[in-house]
Amino acid sequence: MPSLHTMWNDHVAKLPGLQDANPHLLRHTFASDLADAKVPRLVISELLGHEDPRSTDIYTHVEAEALQRSATRLQQWREQTMTGAAV
């Protein structure tokens, strides 16, 4: 039976735009989406099969990025409100 990586390389990696994608990227995206959805860290850890729940902490950067985007939007809104200019 072929390995996941063999099947991936034979089928998925040949699709246009997916040459740089890999199974680990899908796993990371899944965990990041769960974190963005505010799924508890212990649940994410269990779904990923992490032996140590602290291994899931790598995905908490998603919240930091979301906070940064929100702060940027707030700053743009403030600038627009104060100057009356469209952003």
Protein backbone atom coordinates (compact mmCIF):
# COMPACT_ATOMS: atom_id res chain seq x y z
CA MET A 1 0.00 0.00 0.00
CA PRO A 2 1.48 3.39 -0.96
CA SER A 3 2.26 5.91 1.74
CA LEU A 4 0.32 9.14 2.15
CA HIS A 5 3.30 11.10 0.82
CA THR A 6 3.50 8.87 -2.26
CA MET A 7 -0.21 9.28 -2.97
CA TRP A 8 0.05 13.02 -2.31
CA ASN A 9 2.99 13.42 -4.70
CA ASP A 10 1.31 11.27 -7.36
CA HIS A 11 -2.03 13.08 -7.29
CA VAL A 12 -2.39 16.29 -5.30
CA ALA A 13 1.03 17.86 -5.78
CA LYS A 14 0.57 17.74 -9.56
CA LEU A 15 -2.50 20.00 -9.46
CA PRO A 16 -1.96 23.61 -10.51
CA GLY A 17 -1.20 25.86 -7.55
CA LEU A 18 -0.60 23.01 -5.11
CA GLN A 19 3.03 22.22 -5.87
CA ASP A 20 4.15 23.74 -2.54
CA ALA A 21 1.35 22.22 -0.48
CA ASN A 22 1.89 19.16 1.68
CA PRO A 23 -0.06 17.08 4.22
CA HIS A 24 1.57 18.92 7.13
CA LEU A 25 0.30 22.23 5.74
CA LEU A 26 -3.24 20.82 5.77
CA ARG A 27 -2.78 19.71 9.38
CA HIS A 28 -1.47 23.13 10.34
CA THR A 29 -4.36 24.87 8.54
CA PHE A 30 -6.88 22.60 10.29
CA ALA A 31 -5.41 23.37 13.71
CA SER A 32 -5.18 27.10 12.97
CA ASP A 33 -8.81 27.20 11.82
CA LEU A 34 -9.86 25.44 15.02
CA ALA A 35 -7.89 27.97 17.09
CA ASP A 36 -9.49 30.86 15.18
CA ALA A 37 -12.89 29.32 15.92
CA LYS A 38 -12.00 29.43 19.64
CA VAL A 39 -12.01 25.64 19.99
CA PRO A 40 -10.37 24.84 23.35
CA ARG A 41 -6.68 24.05 23.14
CA LEU A 42 -7.15 20.64 24.80
CA VAL A 43 -9.71 19.67 22.15
CA ILE A 44 -7.35 20.74 19.36
CA SER A 45 -4.56 18.80 21.04
CA GLU A 46 -6.73 15.70 21.19
CA LEU A 47 -7.82 16.03 17.55
CA LEU A 48 -4.19 16.37 16.44
CA GLY A 49 -3.10 13.44 18.59
CA HIS A 50 -0.59 15.47 20.58
CA GLU A 51 0.74 13.55 23.53
CA ASP A 52 1.56 16.80 25.33
CA PRO A 53 -1.12 19.53 25.02
CA ARG A 54 1.66 22.13 25.07
CA SER A 55 2.58 20.95 21.58
CA THR A 56 -0.58 22.69 20.41
CA ASP A 57 0.74 26.08 21.52
CA ILE A 58 2.42 26.52 18.14
CA TYR A 59 -1.02 27.31 16.71
CA THR A 60 -1.78 30.14 19.15
CA HIS A 61 0.05 32.57 16.85
CA VAL A 62 -3.17 32.70 14.87
CA GLU A 63 -4.83 34.73 17.59
CA ALA A 64 -1.90 37.15 17.66
CA GLU A 65 -2.25 37.66 13.90
CA ALA A 66 -5.99 38.22 14.25
CA LEU A 67 -5.34 40.77 17.00
CA GLN A 68 -2.84 42.58 14.80
CA ARG A 69 -5.30 42.73 11.91
CA SER A 70 -7.96 44.08 14.26
CA ALA A 71 -5.61 46.72 15.63
CA THR A 72 -4.72 47.78 12.09
CA ARG A 73 -8.40 48.07 11.17
CA LEU A 74 -9.05 50.14 14.29
CA GLN A 75 -6.17 52.46 13.44
CA GLN A 76 -7.48 52.90 9.90
CA TRP A 77 -10.96 53.63 11.23
CA ARG A 78 -9.57 56.20 13.66
CA GLU A 79 -7.59 57.91 10.90
CA GLN A 80 -10.64 57.98 8.66
CA THR A 81 -12.85 59.33 11.43
CA MET A 82 -10.39 62.01 12.52
CA THR A 83 -9.51 63.21 9.03
CA GLY A 84 -12.78 62.47 7.28
CA ALA A 85 -10.80 60.84 4.48
CA ALA A 86 -11.64 57.49 2.96
CA VAL A 87 -9.19 54.70 3.71
